[in-house]
């Protein structure tokens, strides 16, 4: 049998779960997004996340095709890419907030180079540079497992 305090905690948790199930809540904005080097809060150095999937690789986004999502501004190379993102942002968002996937596997958050990327099982992973990308590609399964374990506890305090 639940005491009153436990019941109130469970009821409150149920309301949070219900809000997410109904779709009344936004994406988890408490997770950091890589806006390093951008005084305006632009994610992943202003590159278009949809272009990696639809354009064959990195392309700079344009300010006129911008969307605010998850506490950052995301830029796109075209109105079509912007619309695709708005319709399904989770499909195009890079793993680990757009921070270096290898760095995340090591327990810290660092910048990326837009040209150092890979798509694995339909997910975009960005890396610090092309050299780190080669290390990353050497054992992506191991690094993804480690990064997935580290990501929930990493905060802006872990940015290097």
Protein backbone atom coordinates (compact mmCIF):
# COMPACT_ATOMS: atom_id res chain seq x y z
CA UNK A 1 0.00 0.00 0.00
CA UNK A 2 1.30 3.47 -0.92
CA UNK A 3 1.56 6.27 1.60
CA UNK A 4 0.39 9.74 0.55
CA UNK A 5 3.90 11.04 -0.27
CA UNK A 6 4.69 8.05 -2.54
CA UNK A 7 1.32 8.39 -4.25
CA UNK A 8 1.92 12.10 -4.97
CA UNK A 9 5.40 11.32 -6.45
CA UNK A 10 3.97 8.58 -8.68
CA UNK A 11 1.06 10.76 -9.77
CA UNK A 12 3.46 13.58 -10.70
CA UNK A 13 5.66 11.19 -12.68
CA UNK A 14 2.55 9.94 -14.47
CA UNK A 15 1.67 13.47 -15.56
CA UNK A 16 5.15 13.93 -17.03
CA UNK A 17 4.89 10.62 -18.89
CA UNK A 18 1.42 11.54 -20.14
CA UNK A 19 2.64 14.91 -21.42
CA UNK A 20 5.34 13.21 -23.50
CA UNK A 21 2.96 10.52 -24.75
CA UNK A 22 0.44 13.13 -25.88
CA UNK A 23 3.15 15.11 -27.62
CA UNK A 24 2.74 18.20 -25.51
CA UNK A 25 6.42 18.37 -24.61
CA UNK A 26 9.36 19.44 -26.72
CA UNK A 27 12.55 17.46 -27.20
CA UNK A 28 14.80 17.20 -24.16
CA UNK A 29 16.41 20.64 -24.17
CA UNK A 30 18.52 19.85 -21.12
CA UNK A 31 20.98 17.93 -23.31
CA UNK A 32 23.80 20.09 -24.62
CA UNK A 33 23.94 20.93 -28.32
CA UNK A 34 27.22 21.69 -30.06
CA UNK A 35 27.22 25.43 -30.67
CA UNK A 36 30.97 25.78 -30.09
CA UNK A 37 32.42 28.76 -31.90
CA UNK A 38 29.00 30.31 -32.52
CA UNK A 39 28.11 33.44 -30.59
CA UNK A 40 24.56 33.14 -31.97
CA UNK A 41 23.85 29.60 -30.75
CA UNK A 42 24.07 28.00 -34.19
CA UNK A 43 24.46 24.22 -34.05
CA UNK A 44 27.25 22.17 -35.69
CA UNK A 45 29.11 25.18 -37.06
CA UNK A 46 26.12 26.16 -39.21
CA UNK A 47 26.15 23.01 -41.32
CA UNK A 48 22.95 21.44 -42.63
CA UNK A 49 22.28 18.12 -40.82
CA UNK A 50 19.87 16.98 -43.55
CA UNK A 51 22.55 17.39 -46.25
CA UNK A 52 24.53 14.47 -44.81
CA UNK A 53 21.56 12.23 -45.61
CA UNK A 54 20.16 13.93 -48.72
CA UNK A 55 23.09 15.80 -50.22
CA UNK A 56 25.85 13.24 -49.86
CA UNK A 57 27.86 15.15 -47.31
CA UNK A 58 28.38 18.39 -45.44
CA UNK A 59 26.96 21.62 -46.80
CA UNK A 60 26.83 24.96 -45.01
CA UNK A 61 23.37 26.09 -44.07
CA UNK A 62 21.98 29.53 -44.83
CA UNK A 63 20.60 31.95 -42.24
CA UNK A 64 17.35 32.32 -44.22
CA UNK A 65 16.66 28.58 -43.74
CA UNK A 66 16.94 28.37 -39.95
CA UNK A 67 14.97 26.55 -37.28
CA UNK A 68 15.17 26.78 -33.50
CA UNK A 69 15.20 23.32 -31.93
CA UNK A 70 16.54 21.93 -28.66
CA UNK A 71 17.98 25.23 -27.51
CA UNK A 72 20.00 25.86 -30.68
CA UNK A 73 19.57 27.28 -34.16
CA UNK A 74 19.90 24.77 -36.98
CA UNK A 75 20.67 25.97 -40.50
CA UNK A 76 19.82 24.32 -43.79
CA UNK A 77 21.06 24.64 -47.35
CA UNK A 78 17.53 24.79 -48.79
CA UNK A 79 13.87 25.28 -47.91
CA UNK A 80 13.35 21.59 -48.74
CA UNK A 81 15.94 20.48 -46.16
CA UNK A 82 14.42 22.82 -43.57
CA UNK A 83 10.96 21.32 -44.18
CA UNK A 84 12.33 17.76 -43.91
CA UNK A 85 13.94 18.59 -40.57
CA UNK A 86 10.83 20.29 -39.22
CA UNK A 87 8.73 17.25 -40.15
CA UNK A 88 11.07 14.76 -38.40
CA UNK A 89 13.96 16.35 -36.48
CA UNK A 90 14.94 13.14 -34.67
CA UNK A 91 15.74 11.53 -38.02
CA UNK A 92 18.32 14.19 -38.89
CA UNK A 93 19.78 15.34 -35.58
CA UNK A 94 23.38 14.21 -35.13
CA UNK A 95 24.16 11.84 -32.28
CA UNK A 96 25.33 13.31 -28.96
CA UNK A 97 24.10 16.81 -29.67
CA UNK A 98 26.49 17.15 -32.59
CA UNK A 99 29.61 16.84 -30.43
CA UNK A 100 32.43 14.54 -31.48
CA UNK A 101 31.15 10.98 -31.16
CA UNK A 102 34.61 9.62 -30.35
CA UNK A 103 35.10 12.28 -27.66
CA UNK A 104 31.73 11.35 -26.19
CA UNK A 105 32.89 7.72 -26.07
CA UNK A 106 35.87 8.95 -24.02
CA UNK A 107 33.67 10.93 -21.62
CA UNK A 108 34.02 14.52 -22.83
CA UNK A 109 32.47 16.92 -25.33
CA UNK A 110 34.56 18.56 -28.04
CA UNK A 111 34.18 20.40 -31.32
CA UNK A 112 33.74 18.76 -34.70
CA UNK A 113 34.90 19.29 -38.23
CA UNK A 114 31.88 18.99 -40.55
CA UNK A 115 33.91 16.94 -43.06
CA UNK A 116 34.60 14.26 -40.43
CA UNK A 117 31.33 12.35 -40.42
CA UNK A 118 29.70 8.96 -40.84
CA UNK A 119 26.20 7.58 -40.96
CA UNK A 120 25.81 4.29 -39.12
CA UNK A 121 22.47 2.51 -38.91
CA UNK A 122 20.71 5.66 -40.09
CA UNK A 123 22.31 7.94 -37.49
CA UNK A 124 24.69 10.83 -38.15
CA UNK A 125 27.93 10.83 -36.15
CA UNK A 126 30.37 13.75 -36.28
CA UNK A 127 34.03 13.69 -35.28
CA UNK A 128 36.74 16.08 -34.14
CA UNK A 129 38.71 15.79 -37.39
CA UNK A 130 39.50 13.30 -40.16
CA UNK A 131 42.21 11.57 -38.09
CA UNK A 132 39.80 10.95 -35.21
CA UNK A 133 37.22 9.79 -37.75
CA UNK A 134 39.62 7.05 -38.85
CA UNK A 135 39.97 5.87 -35.23
CA UNK A 136 36.18 6.04 -34.85
CA UNK A 137 35.62 3.95 -37.98
CA UNK A 138 38.03 1.31 -36.63
CA UNK A 139 35.44 0.04 -34.13
CA UNK A 140 32.23 2.03 -34.31
CA UNK A 141 30.16 -0.55 -32.39
CA UNK A 142 32.47 -0.34 -29.37
CA UNK A 143 32.67 3.46 -29.49
CA UNK A 144 28.89 3.87 -29.92
CA UNK A 145 28.25 1.62 -26.91
CA UNK A 146 30.66 3.67 -24.80
CA UNK A 147 29.29 7.00 -26.05
CA UNK A 148 25.70 5.87 -25.44
CA UNK A 149 26.70 5.05 -21.87
CA UNK A 150 28.48 8.38 -21.33
CA UNK A 151 26.04 10.71 -23.07
CA UNK A 152 23.29 10.79 -20.41
CA UNK A 153 25.68 12.09 -17.74
CA UNK A 154 27.61 14.62 -19.84
CA UNK A 155 26.82 18.31 -19.39
CA UNK A 156 28.24 21.62 -20.56
CA UNK A 157 30.82 21.24 -17.76
CA UNK A 158 32.34 18.40 -19.82
CA UNK A 159 33.06 20.59 -22.86
CA UNK A 160 36.77 20.81 -23.60
